[in-house]
Amino acid sequence: MDITRHNAGPRMSQIVEHGDLIYLAGQVGRGPDMTSQTKDMLASVDRLLASVGSSKSRVLSAQVWVADMALFGEMNAVWDAWIDPKNPPARACVEAKLATPDFLVEVMVTAAKG
């Protein structure tokens, strides 16, 4: 099977396609708080999936990292409004120190084509 890399840079690709699977690089959002960062982050996921013919209803799994579990509820409120309730993915969420203190949340998604 071929591997197709999209938006490849010297360190990573934003999207990798292999067979019927789509792998997204970790996505972060911009904004002053967890709600705005989560909305922006998930909008990036939507854009990237759409660019390769997929959507949030095809997400198989998601790994979510939050900088502070005290903000877990705020992230989940946005997540729950975003996710396709008929097709929820497998998901893990952990607290982690992210790349910069400005980032409050990051997600990495695997999805099916289609």
PDB file of N, CA and C in Angstrom:
ATOM      1  N   MET A   1       0.831  -1.182   0.000  1.00  0.00           N
ATOM      2  CA  MET A   1       0.000   0.000   0.000  1.00  0.00           C
ATOM      3  C   MET A   1       0.871   1.239   0.000  1.00  0.00           C
ATOM      4  N   ASP A   2       0.414   2.216  -0.730  1.00  0.00           N
ATOM      5  CA  ASP A   2       1.133   3.480  -0.780  1.00  0.00           C
ATOM      6  C   ASP A   2       0.898   4.303   0.482  1.00  0.00           C
ATOM      7  N   ILE A   3       1.871   5.123   0.784  1.00  0.00           N
ATOM      8  CA  ILE A   3       1.766   6.104   1.861  1.00  0.00           C
ATOM      9  C   ILE A   3       1.824   7.481   1.213  1.00  0.00           C
ATOM     10  N   THR A   4       0.837   8.317   1.519  1.00  0.00           N
ATOM     11  CA  THR A   4       0.795   9.679   0.993  1.00  0.00           C
ATOM     12  C   THR A   4       0.908  10.643   2.161  1.00  0.00           C
ATOM     13  N   ARG A   5       1.863  11.576   2.040  1.00  0.00           N
ATOM     14  CA  ARG A   5       2.081  12.567   3.091  1.00  0.00           C
ATOM     15  C   ARG A   5       1.668  13.941   2.567  1.00  0.00           C
ATOM     16  N   HIS A   6       0.881  14.657   3.364  1.00  0.00           N
ATOM     17  CA  HIS A   6       0.390  15.983   2.995  1.00  0.00           C
ATOM     18  C   HIS A   6       0.988  17.026   3.927  1.00  0.00           C
ATOM     19  N   ASN A   7       1.267  18.201   3.362  1.00  0.00           N
ATOM     20  CA  ASN A   7       1.833  19.300   4.147  1.00  0.00           C
ATOM     21  C   ASN A   7       3.062  18.826   4.925  1.00  0.00           C
ATOM     22  N   ALA A   8       3.940  18.137   4.212  1.00  0.00           N
ATOM     23  CA  ALA A   8       5.143  17.591   4.841  1.00  0.00           C
ATOM     24  C   ALA A   8       6.188  18.680   5.023  1.00  0.00           C
ATOM     25  N   GLY A   9       6.796  18.684   6.175  1.00  0.00           N
ATOM     26  CA  GLY A   9       7.891  19.590   6.476  1.00  0.00           C
ATOM     27  C   GLY A   9       9.104  18.782   6.882  1.00  0.00           C
ATOM     28  N   PRO A  10      10.135  19.438   7.348  1.00  0.00           N
ATOM     29  CA  PRO A  10      11.345  18.715   7.712  1.00  0.00           C
ATOM     30  C   PRO A  10      11.172  17.831   8.947  1.00  0.00           C
ATOM     31  N   ARG A  11      10.182  18.132   9.789  1.00  0.00           N
ATOM     32  CA  ARG A  11       9.993  17.385  11.025  1.00  0.00           C
ATOM     33  C   ARG A  11       8.809  16.425  10.979  1.00  0.00           C
ATOM     34  N   MET A  12       7.754  16.815  10.270  1.00  0.00           N
ATOM     35  CA  MET A  12       6.535  15.996  10.292  1.00  0.00           C
ATOM     36  C   MET A  12       5.618  16.368   9.136  1.00  0.00           C
ATOM     37  N   SER A  13       4.627  15.523   8.930  1.00  0.00           N
ATOM     38  CA  SER A  13       3.550  15.774   7.975  1.00  0.00           C
ATOM     39  C   SER A  13       2.293  16.085   8.760  1.00  0.00           C
ATOM     40  N   GLN A  14       1.456  16.980   8.248  1.00  0.00           N
ATOM     41  CA  GLN A  14       0.188  17.273   8.916  1.00  0.00           C
ATOM     42  C   GLN A  14      -0.805  16.127   8.759  1.00  0.00           C
ATOM     43  N   ILE A  15      -0.726  15.440   7.605  1.00  0.00           N
ATOM     44  CA  ILE A  15      -1.622  14.315   7.331  1.00  0.00           C
ATOM     45  C   ILE A  15      -0.804  13.212   6.674  1.00  0.00           C
ATOM     46  N   VAL A  16      -1.051  11.977   7.103  1.00  0.00           N
ATOM     47  CA  VAL A  16      -0.474  10.811   6.438  1.00  0.00           C
ATOM     48  C   VAL A  16      -1.624   9.863   6.120  1.00  0.00           C
ATOM     49  N   GLU A  17      -1.690   9.449   4.855  1.00  0.00           N
ATOM     50  CA  GLU A  17      -2.688   8.474   4.432  1.00  0.00           C
ATOM     51  C   GLU A  17      -1.992   7.146   4.144  1.00  0.00           C
ATOM     52  N   HIS A  18      -2.590   6.074   4.653  1.00  0.00           N
ATOM     53  CA  HIS A  18      -2.071   4.733   4.391  1.00  0.00           C
ATOM     54  C   HIS A  18      -3.273   3.803   4.296  1.00  0.00           C
ATOM     55  N   GLY A  19      -3.452   3.208   3.136  1.00  0.00           N
ATOM     56  CA  GLY A  19      -4.633   2.377   2.935  1.00  0.00           C
ATOM     57  C   GLY A  19      -5.888   3.217   3.110  1.00  0.00           C
ATOM     58  N   ASP A  20      -6.788   2.747   3.948  1.00  0.00           N
ATOM     59  CA  ASP A  20      -8.034   3.461   4.205  1.00  0.00           C
ATOM     60  C   ASP A  20      -7.981   4.294   5.476  1.00  0.00           C
ATOM     61  N   LEU A  21      -6.762   4.536   5.978  1.00  0.00           N
ATOM     62  CA  LEU A  21      -6.613   5.287   7.217  1.00  0.00           C
ATOM     63  C   LEU A  21      -5.970   6.651   7.003  1.00  0.00           C
ATOM     64  N   ILE A  22      -6.385   7.599   7.827  1.00  0.00           N
ATOM     65  CA  ILE A  22      -5.847   8.958   7.822  1.00  0.00           C
ATOM     66  C   ILE A  22      -5.321   9.247   9.221  1.00  0.00           C
ATOM     67  N   TYR A  23      -4.083   9.682   9.283  1.00  0.00           N
ATOM     68  CA  TYR A  23      -3.464  10.045  10.553  1.00  0.00           C
ATOM     69  C   TYR A  23      -3.175  11.541  10.535  1.00  0.00           C
ATOM     70  N   LEU A  24      -3.665  12.259  11.525  1.00  0.00           N
ATOM     71  CA  LEU A  24      -3.373  13.684  11.628  1.00  0.00           C
ATOM     72  C   LEU A  24      -2.285  13.906  12.664  1.00  0.00           C
ATOM     73  N   ALA A  25      -1.431  14.870  12.384  1.00  0.00           N
ATOM     74  CA  ALA A  25      -0.463  15.312  13.387  1.00  0.00           C
ATOM     75  C   ALA A  25      -1.235  15.966  14.533  1.00  0.00           C
ATOM     76  N   GLY A  26      -0.587  16.129  15.653  1.00  0.00           N
ATOM     77  CA  GLY A  26      -1.215  16.801  16.776  1.00  0.00           C
ATOM     78  C   GLY A  26      -1.659  18.199  16.384  1.00  0.00           C
ATOM     79  N   GLN A  27      -2.877  18.553  16.754  1.00  0.00           N
ATOM     80  CA  GLN A  27      -3.448  19.859  16.433  1.00  0.00           C
ATOM     81  C   GLN A  27      -3.682  20.636  17.725  1.00  0.00           C
ATOM     82  N   VAL A  28      -3.304  21.886  17.719  1.00  0.00           N
ATOM     83  CA  VAL A  28      -3.549  22.784  18.843  1.00  0.00           C
ATOM     84  C   VAL A  28      -4.399  23.943  18.336  1.00  0.00           C
ATOM     85  N   GLY A  29      -4.949  24.696  19.260  1.00  0.00           N
ATOM     86  CA  GLY A  29      -5.761  25.842  18.889  1.00  0.00           C
ATOM     87  C   GLY A  29      -5.190  27.119  19.453  1.00  0.00           C
ATOM     88  N   ARG A  30      -5.682  28.209  18.941  1.00  0.00           N
ATOM     89  CA  ARG A  30      -5.282  29.534  19.414  1.00  0.00           C
ATOM     90  C   ARG A  30      -6.436  30.134  20.209  1.00  0.00           C
ATOM     91  N   GLY A  31      -6.092  31.000  21.125  1.00  0.00           N
ATOM     92  CA  GLY A  31      -7.100  31.701  21.900  1.00  0.00           C
ATOM     93  C   GLY A  31      -6.667  31.826  23.344  1.00  0.00           C
ATOM     94  N   PRO A  32      -7.390  32.650  24.102  1.00  0.00           N
ATOM     95  CA  PRO A  32      -6.979  32.943  25.467  1.00  0.00           C
ATOM     96  C   PRO A  32      -7.410  31.913  26.509  1.00  0.00           C
ATOM     97  N   ASP A  33      -8.331  31.001  26.118  1.00  0.00           N
ATOM     98  CA  ASP A  33      -8.847  30.072  27.120  1.00  0.00           C
ATOM     99  C   ASP A  33      -9.103  28.702  26.491  1.00  0.00           C
ATOM    100  N   MET A  34      -9.457  27.737  27.346  1.00  0.00           N
ATOM    101  CA  MET A  34      -9.667  26.360  26.894  1.00  0.00           C
ATOM    102  C   MET A  34     -10.791  26.273  25.868  1.00  0.00           C
ATOM    103  N   THR A  35     -11.871  26.984  26.074  1.00  0.00           N
ATOM    104  CA  THR A  35     -12.994  26.905  25.138  1.00  0.00           C
ATOM    105  C   THR A  35     -12.586  27.361  23.747  1.00  0.00           C
ATOM    106  N   SER A  36     -11.966  28.516  23.642  1.00  0.00           N
ATOM    107  CA  SER A  36     -11.589  29.023  22.314  1.00  0.00           C
ATOM    108  C   SER A  36     -10.503  28.163  21.684  1.00  0.00           C
ATOM    109  N   GLN A  37      -9.552  27.677  22.468  1.00  0.00           N
ATOM    110  CA  GLN A  37      -8.506  26.821  21.906  1.00  0.00           C
ATOM    111  C   GLN A  37      -9.087  25.496  21.415  1.00  0.00           C
ATOM    112  N   THR A  38     -10.022  24.930  22.166  1.00  0.00           N
ATOM    113  CA  THR A  38     -10.616  23.656  21.745  1.00  0.00           C
ATOM    114  C   THR A  38     -11.433  23.837  20.466  1.00  0.00           C
ATOM    115  N   LYS A  39     -12.205  24.909  20.380  1.00  0.00           N
ATOM    116  CA  LYS A  39     -12.974  25.181  19.156  1.00  0.00           C
ATOM    117  C   LYS A  39     -12.050  25.341  17.957  1.00  0.00           C
ATOM    118  N   ASP A  40     -10.974  26.105  18.120  1.00  0.00           N
ATOM    119  CA  ASP A  40     -10.031  26.339  17.030  1.00  0.00           C
ATOM    120  C   ASP A  40      -9.323  25.045  16.635  1.00  0.00           C
ATOM    121  N   MET A  41      -8.934  24.258  17.616  1.00  0.00           N
ATOM    122  CA  MET A  41      -8.258  22.981  17.371  1.00  0.00           C
ATOM    123  C   MET A  41      -9.163  22.032  16.571  1.00  0.00           C
ATOM    124  N   LEU A  42     -10.416  21.925  16.981  1.00  0.00           N
ATOM    125  CA  LEU A  42     -11.338  21.023  16.288  1.00  0.00           C
ATOM    126  C   LEU A  42     -11.700  21.534  14.903  1.00  0.00           C
ATOM    127  N   ALA A  43     -11.712  22.848  14.703  1.00  0.00           N
ATOM    128  CA  ALA A  43     -11.903  23.400  13.361  1.00  0.00           C
ATOM    129  C   ALA A  43     -10.741  22.999  12.455  1.00  0.00           C
ATOM    130  N   SER A  44      -9.536  22.953  12.998  1.00  0.00           N
ATOM    131  CA  SER A  44      -8.374  22.488  12.221  1.00  0.00           C
ATOM    132  C   SER A  44      -8.535  21.022  11.850  1.00  0.00           C
ATOM    133  N   VAL A  45      -9.009  20.220  12.785  1.00  0.00           N
ATOM    134  CA  VAL A  45      -9.259  18.804  12.492  1.00  0.00           C
ATOM    135  C   VAL A  45     -10.281  18.692  11.361  1.00  0.00           C
ATOM    136  N   ASP A  46     -11.368  19.444  11.446  1.00  0.00           N
ATOM    137  CA  ASP A  46     -12.384  19.428  10.387  1.00  0.00           C
ATOM    138  C   ASP A  46     -11.779  19.775   9.030  1.00  0.00           C
ATOM    139  N   ARG A  47     -10.982  20.855   8.986  1.00  0.00           N
ATOM    140  CA  ARG A  47     -10.368  21.290   7.711  1.00  0.00           C
ATOM    141  C   ARG A  47      -9.434  20.217   7.150  1.00  0.00           C
ATOM    142  N   LEU A  48      -8.591  19.665   7.999  1.00  0.00           N
ATOM    143  CA  LEU A  48      -7.639  18.661   7.533  1.00  0.00           C
ATOM    144  C   LEU A  48      -8.352  17.409   7.039  1.00  0.00           C
ATOM    145  N   LEU A  49      -9.333  16.925   7.786  1.00  0.00           N
ATOM    146  CA  LEU A  49     -10.073  15.745   7.343  1.00  0.00           C
ATOM    147  C   LEU A  49     -10.802  16.008   6.031  1.00  0.00           C
ATOM    148  N   ALA A  50     -11.435  17.166   5.905  1.00  0.00           N
ATOM    149  CA  ALA A  50     -12.143  17.498   4.666  1.00  0.00           C
ATOM    150  C   ALA A  50     -11.188  17.558   3.481  1.00  0.00           C
ATOM    151  N   SER A  51      -9.958  17.995   3.720  1.00  0.00           N
ATOM    152  CA  SER A  51      -8.996  18.117   2.615  1.00  0.00           C
ATOM    153  C   SER A  51      -8.618  16.771   2.015  1.00  0.00           C
ATOM    154  N   VAL A  52      -8.864  15.681   2.738  1.00  0.00           N
ATOM    155  CA  VAL A  52      -8.574  14.341   2.215  1.00  0.00           C
ATOM    156  C   VAL A  52      -9.844  13.497   2.116  1.00  0.00           C
ATOM    157  N   GLY A  53     -10.992  14.175   2.084  1.00  0.00           N
ATOM    158  CA  GLY A  53     -12.253  13.485   1.833  1.00  0.00           C
ATOM    159  C   GLY A  53     -12.833  12.733   3.008  1.00  0.00           C
ATOM    160  N   SER A  54     -12.567  13.180   4.218  1.00  0.00           N
ATOM    161  CA  SER A  54     -13.128  12.518   5.390  1.00  0.00           C
ATOM    162  C   SER A  54     -13.831  13.558   6.260  1.00  0.00           C
ATOM    163  N   SER A  55     -14.292  13.133   7.426  1.00  0.00           N
ATOM    164  CA  SER A  55     -15.010  14.041   8.321  1.00  0.00           C
ATOM    165  C   SER A  55     -14.979  13.497   9.740  1.00  0.00           C
ATOM    166  N   LYS A  56     -15.478  14.291  10.675  1.00  0.00           N
ATOM    167  CA  LYS A  56     -15.472  13.878  12.081  1.00  0.00           C
ATOM    168  C   LYS A  56     -16.307  12.624  12.311  1.00  0.00           C
ATOM    169  N   SER A  57     -17.268  12.332  11.465  1.00  0.00           N
ATOM    170  CA  SER A  57     -18.060  11.108  11.628  1.00  0.00           C
ATOM    171  C   SER A  57     -17.248   9.858  11.304  1.00  0.00           C
ATOM    172  N   ARG A  58     -16.058  10.050  10.726  1.00  0.00           N
ATOM    173  CA  ARG A  58     -15.183   8.928  10.363  1.00  0.00           C
ATOM    174  C   ARG A  58     -13.985   8.798  11.313  1.00  0.00           C
ATOM    175  N   VAL A  59     -13.956   9.607  12.367  1.00  0.00           N
ATOM    176  CA  VAL A  59     -12.857   9.538  13.331  1.00  0.00           C
ATOM    177  C   VAL A  59     -12.952   8.215  14.093  1.00  0.00           C
ATOM    178  N   LEU A  60     -11.849   7.484  14.093  1.00  0.00           N
ATOM    179  CA  LEU A  60     -11.784   6.195  14.781  1.00  0.00           C
ATOM    180  C   LEU A  60     -11.273   6.340  16.207  1.00  0.00           C
ATOM    181  N   SER A  61     -10.244   7.172  16.366  1.00  0.00           N
ATOM    182  CA  SER A  61      -9.681   7.364  17.702  1.00  0.00           C
ATOM    183  C   SER A  61      -9.099   8.761  17.825  1.00  0.00           C
ATOM    184  N   ALA A  62      -9.035   9.215  19.066  1.00  0.00           N
ATOM    185  CA  ALA A  62      -8.467  10.522  19.366  1.00  0.00           C
ATOM    186  C   ALA A  62      -7.704  10.432  20.679  1.00  0.00           C
ATOM    187  N   GLN A  63      -6.535  11.035  20.684  1.00  0.00           N
ATOM    188  CA  GLN A  63      -5.753  11.180  21.908  1.00  0.00           C
ATOM    189  C   GLN A  63      -5.737  12.666  22.225  1.00  0.00           C
ATOM    190  N   VAL A  64      -6.188  13.022  23.412  1.00  0.00           N
ATOM    191  CA  VAL A  64      -6.296  14.411  23.811  1.00  0.00           C
ATOM    192  C   VAL A  64      -5.364  14.647  24.995  1.00  0.00           C
ATOM    193  N   TRP A  65      -4.600  15.741  24.908  1.00  0.00           N
ATOM    194  CA  TRP A  65      -3.737  16.144  26.007  1.00  0.00           C
ATOM    195  C   TRP A  65      -4.210  17.503  26.482  1.00  0.00           C
ATOM    196  N   VAL A  66      -4.408  17.652  27.780  1.00  0.00           N
ATOM    197  CA  VAL A  66      -4.776  18.942  28.353  1.00  0.00           C
ATOM    198  C   VAL A  66      -3.687  19.360  29.341  1.00  0.00           C
ATOM    199  N   ALA A  67      -3.413  20.641  29.372  1.00  0.00           N
ATOM    200  CA  ALA A  67      -2.344  21.157  30.226  1.00  0.00           C
ATOM    201  C   ALA A  67      -2.725  21.117  31.703  1.00  0.00           C
ATOM    202  N   ASP A  68      -4.019  21.155  31.989  1.00  0.00           N
ATOM    203  CA  ASP A  68      -4.490  21.196  33.370  1.00  0.00           C
ATOM    204  C   ASP A  68      -5.848  20.504  33.434  1.00  0.00           C
ATOM    205  N   MET A  69      -5.945  19.410  34.177  1.00  0.00           N
ATOM    206  CA  MET A  69      -7.200  18.666  34.249  1.00  0.00           C
ATOM    207  C   MET A  69      -8.325  19.479  34.883  1.00  0.00           C
ATOM    208  N   ALA A  70      -8.014  20.573  35.528  1.00  0.00           N
ATOM    209  CA  ALA A  70      -9.061  21.465  36.034  1.00  0.00           C
ATOM    210  C   ALA A  70      -9.881  22.043  34.883  1.00  0.00           C
ATOM    211  N   LEU A  71      -9.316  22.022  33.662  1.00  0.00           N
ATOM    212  CA  LEU A  71      -9.990  22.544  32.469  1.00  0.00           C
ATOM    213  C   LEU A  71     -10.667  21.446  31.648  1.00  0.00           C
ATOM    214  N   PHE A  72     -10.630  20.219  32.144  1.00  0.00           N
ATOM    215  CA  PHE A  72     -11.176  19.058  31.440  1.00  0.00           C
ATOM    216  C   PHE A  72     -12.646  19.268  31.058  1.00  0.00           C
ATOM    217  N   GLY A  73     -13.446  19.789  31.963  1.00  0.00           N
ATOM    218  CA  GLY A  73     -14.865  20.006  31.695  1.00  0.00           C
ATOM    219  C   GLY A  73     -15.107  21.006  30.581  1.00  0.00           C
ATOM    220  N   GLU A  74     -14.303  22.069  30.543  1.00  0.00           N
ATOM    221  CA  GLU A  74     -14.441  23.064  29.475  1.00  0.00           C
ATOM    222  C   GLU A  74     -14.119  22.439  28.122  1.00  0.00           C
ATOM    223  N   MET A  75     -13.056  21.642  28.065  1.00  0.00           N
ATOM    224  CA  MET A  75     -12.695  20.969  26.813  1.00  0.00           C
ATOM    225  C   MET A  75     -13.808  20.014  26.406  1.00  0.00           C
ATOM    226  N   ASN A  76     -14.313  19.226  27.356  1.00  0.00           N
ATOM    227  CA  ASN A  76     -15.357  18.251  27.046  1.00  0.00           C
ATOM    228  C   ASN A  76     -16.642  18.914  26.558  1.00  0.00           C
ATOM    229  N   ALA A  77     -16.975  20.087  27.082  1.00  0.00           N
ATOM    230  CA  ALA A  77     -18.186  20.777  26.624  1.00  0.00           C
ATOM    231  C   ALA A  77     -18.096  21.095  25.135  1.00  0.00           C
ATOM    232  N   VAL A  78     -16.937  21.547  24.697  1.00  0.00           N
ATOM    233  CA  VAL A  78     -16.734  21.848  23.273  1.00  0.00           C
ATOM    234  C   VAL A  78     -16.682  20.551  22.476  1.00  0.00           C
ATOM    235  N   TRP A  79     -15.947  19.564  22.969  1.00  0.00           N
ATOM    236  CA  TRP A  79     -15.833  18.259  22.301  1.00  0.00           C
ATOM    237  C   TRP A  79     -17.218  17.652  22.082  1.00  0.00           C
ATOM    238  N   ASP A  80     -18.031  17.634  23.150  1.00  0.00           N
ATOM    239  CA  ASP A  80     -19.350  17.009  23.066  1.00  0.00           C
ATOM    240  C   ASP A  80     -20.258  17.704  22.055  1.00  0.00           C
ATOM    241  N   ALA A  81     -20.121  19.017  21.909  1.00  0.00           N
ATOM    242  CA  ALA A  81     -20.905  19.754  20.916  1.00  0.00           C
ATOM    243  C   ALA A  81     -20.396  19.505  19.504  1.00  0.00           C
ATOM    244  N   TRP A  82     -19.112  19.132  19.373  1.00  0.00           N
ATOM    245  CA  TRP A  82     -18.484  18.949  18.063  1.00  0.00           C
ATOM    246  C   TRP A  82     -18.652  17.538  17.524  1.00  0.00           C
ATOM    247  N   ILE A  83     -18.458  16.547  18.343  1.00  0.00           N
ATOM    248  CA  ILE A  83     -18.379  15.167  17.874  1.00  0.00           C
ATOM    249  C   ILE A  83     -19.733  14.696  17.333  1.00  0.00           C
ATOM    250  N   ASP A  84     -19.691  13.822  16.348  1.00  0.00           N
ATOM    251  CA  ASP A  84     -20.897  13.211  15.814  1.00  0.00           C
ATOM    252  C   ASP A  84     -21.398  12.203  16.854  1.00  0.00           C
ATOM    253  N   PRO A  85     -22.531  12.460  17.509  1.00  0.00           N
ATOM    254  CA  PRO A  85     -22.975  11.578  18.593  1.00  0.00           C
ATOM    255  C   PRO A  85     -23.332  10.166  18.133  1.00  0.00           C
ATOM    256  N   LYS A  86     -23.586  10.001  16.831  1.00  0.00           N
ATOM    257  CA  LYS A  86     -23.878   8.668  16.308  1.00  0.00           C
ATOM    258  C   LYS A  86     -22.618   7.877  16.019  1.00  0.00           C
ATOM    259  N   ASN A  87     -21.459   8.567  16.004  1.00  0.00           N
ATOM    260  CA  ASN A  87     -20.197   7.914  15.654  1.00  0.00           C
ATOM    261  C   ASN A  87     -19.066   8.377  16.569  1.00  0.00           C
ATOM    262  N   PRO A  88     -19.209   8.202  17.880  1.00  0.00           N
ATOM    263  CA  PRO A  88     -18.131   8.648  18.768  1.00  0.00           C
ATOM    264  C   PRO A  88     -16.896   7.761  18.620  1.00  0.00           C
ATOM    265  N   PRO A  89     -15.716   8.375  18.617  1.00  0.00           N
ATOM    266  CA  PRO A  89     -14.490   7.589  18.480  1.00  0.00           C
ATOM    267  C   PRO A  89     -14.042   7.002  19.817  1.00  0.00           C
ATOM    268  N   ALA A  90     -13.094   6.099  19.755  1.00  0.00           N
ATOM    269  CA  ALA A  90     -12.356   5.726  20.961  1.00  0.00           C
ATOM    270  C   ALA A  90     -11.535   6.952  21.332  1.00  0.00           C
ATOM    271  N   ARG A  91     -11.376   7.214  22.649  1.00  0.00           N
ATOM    272  CA  ARG A  91     -10.664   8.429  23.042  1.00  0.00           C
ATOM    273  C   ARG A  91      -9.951   8.226  24.359  1.00  0.00           C
ATOM    274  N   ALA A  92      -8.780   8.830  24.453  1.00  0.00           N
ATOM    275  CA  ALA A  92      -8.056   8.915  25.709  1.00  0.00           C
ATOM    276  C   ALA A  92      -7.753  10.377  25.958  1.00  0.00           C
ATOM    277  N   CYS A  93      -7.718  10.774  27.222  1.00  0.00           N
ATOM    278  CA  CYS A  93      -7.400  12.156  27.574  1.00  0.00           C
ATOM    279  C   CYS A  93      -6.521  12.131  28.817  1.00  0.00           C
ATOM    280  N   VAL A  94      -5.379  12.799  28.712  1.00  0.00           N
ATOM    281  CA  VAL A  94      -4.453  12.851  29.841  1.00  0.00           C
ATOM    282  C   VAL A  94      -3.959  14.274  30.046  1.00  0.00           C
ATOM    283  N   GLU A  95      -3.491  14.537  31.249  1.00  0.00           N
ATOM    284  CA  GLU A  95      -2.849  15.818  31.531  1.00  0.00           C
ATOM    285  C   GLU A  95      -1.389  15.712  31.129  1.00  0.00           C
ATOM    286  N   ALA A  96      -0.898  16.755  30.451  1.00  0.00           N
ATOM    287  CA  ALA A  96       0.490  16.757  29.992  1.00  0.00           C
ATOM    288  C   ALA A  96       0.996  18.183  29.835  1.00  0.00           C
ATOM    289  N   LYS A  97       2.279  18.333  29.979  1.00  0.00           N
ATOM    290  CA  LYS A  97       2.920  19.607  29.684  1.00  0.00           C
ATOM    291  C   LYS A  97       3.047  19.690  28.163  1.00  0.00           C
ATOM    292  N   LEU A  98       2.452  20.723  27.563  1.00  0.00           N
ATOM    293  CA  LEU A  98       2.450  20.852  26.112  1.00  0.00           C
ATOM    294  C   LEU A  98       3.649  21.670  25.642  1.00  0.00           C
ATOM    295  N   ALA A  99       3.785  21.842  24.331  1.00  0.00           N
ATOM    296  CA  ALA A  99       4.981  22.442  23.728  1.00  0.00           C
ATOM    297  C   ALA A  99       5.301  23.836  24.267  1.00  0.00           C
ATOM    298  N   THR A 100       4.278  24.628  24.529  1.00  0.00           N
ATOM    299  CA  THR A 100       4.487  25.947  25.139  1.00  0.00           C
ATOM    300  C   THR A 100       3.406  26.144  26.203  1.00  0.00           C
ATOM    301  N   PRO A 101       3.651  27.007  27.178  1.00  0.00           N
ATOM    302  CA  PRO A 101       2.632  27.260  28.203  1.00  0.00           C
ATOM    303  C   PRO A 101       1.355  27.892  27.644  1.00  0.00           C
ATOM    304  N   ASP A 102       1.432  28.461  26.441  1.00  0.00           N
ATOM    305  CA  ASP A 102       0.250  29.053  25.821  1.00  0.00           C
ATOM    306  C   ASP A 102      -0.761  28.012  25.366  1.00  0.00           C
ATOM    307  N   PHE A 103      -0.299  26.792  25.081  1.00  0.00           N
ATOM    308  CA  PHE A 103      -1.195  25.733  24.609  1.00  0.00           C
ATOM    309  C   PHE A 103      -1.857  25.054  25.800  1.00  0.00           C
ATOM    310  N   LEU A 104      -3.186  24.964  25.748  1.00  0.00           N
ATOM    311  CA  LEU A 104      -3.949  24.329  26.811  1.00  0.00           C
ATOM    312  C   LEU A 104      -4.454  22.948  26.432  1.00  0.00           C
ATOM    313  N   VAL A 105      -4.504  22.661  25.114  1.00  0.00           N
ATOM    314  CA  VAL A 105      -5.061  21.393  24.649  1.00  0.00           C
ATOM    315  C   VAL A 105      -4.449  21.027  23.298  1.00  0.00           C
ATOM    316  N   GLU A 106      -4.294  19.725  23.076  1.00  0.00           N
ATOM    317  CA  GLU A 106      -3.810  19.202  21.797  1.00  0.00           C
ATOM    318  C   GLU A 106      -4.533  17.892  21.531  1.00  0.00           C
ATOM    319  N   VAL A 107      -4.786  17.607  20.270  1.00  0.00           N
ATOM    320  CA  VAL A 107      -5.437  16.363  19.900  1.00  0.00           C
ATOM    321  C   VAL A 107      -4.725  15.740  18.710  1.00  0.00           C
ATOM    322  N   MET A 108      -4.664  14.423  18.697  1.00  0.00           N
ATOM    323  CA  MET A 108      -4.159  13.670  17.545  1.00  0.00           C
ATOM    324  C   MET A 108      -5.252  12.677  17.161  1.00  0.00           C
ATOM    325  N   VAL A 109      -5.590  12.640  15.872  1.00  0.00           N
ATOM    326  CA  VAL A 109      -6.743  11.900  15.384  1.00  0.00           C
ATOM    327  C   VAL A 109      -6.331  10.891  14.325  1.00  0.00           C
ATOM    328  N   THR A 110      -6.964   9.723  14.385  1.00  0.00           N
ATOM    329  CA  THR A 110      -6.917   8.728  13.317  1.00  0.00           C
ATOM    330  C   THR A 110      -8.326   8.567  12.802  1.00  0.00           C
ATOM    331  N   ALA A 111      -8.481   8.608  11.478  1.00  0.00           N
ATOM    332  CA  ALA A 111      -9.816   8.514  10.878  1.00  0.00           C
ATOM    333  C   ALA A 111      -9.792   7.579   9.682  1.00  0.00           C
ATOM    334  N   ALA A 112     -10.977   7.148   9.287  1.00  0.00           N
ATOM    335  CA  ALA A 112     -11.134   6.340   8.088  1.00  0.00           C
ATOM    336  C   ALA A 112     -11.417   7.251   6.906  1.00  0.00           C
ATOM    337  N   LYS A 113     -10.991   6.837   5.740  1.00  0.00           N
ATOM    338  CA  LYS A 113     -11.332   7.584   4.525  1.00  0.00           C
ATOM    339  C   LYS A 113     -12.812   7.433   4.266  1.00  0.00           C
ATOM    340  N   GLY A 114     -13.311   8.339   3.426  1.00  0.00           N
ATOM    341  CA  GLY A 114     -14.695   8.206   3.009  1.00  0.00           C
ATOM    342  C   GLY A 114     -15.527   9.259   3.453  1.00  0.00           C
TER     343      GLY A 114
END
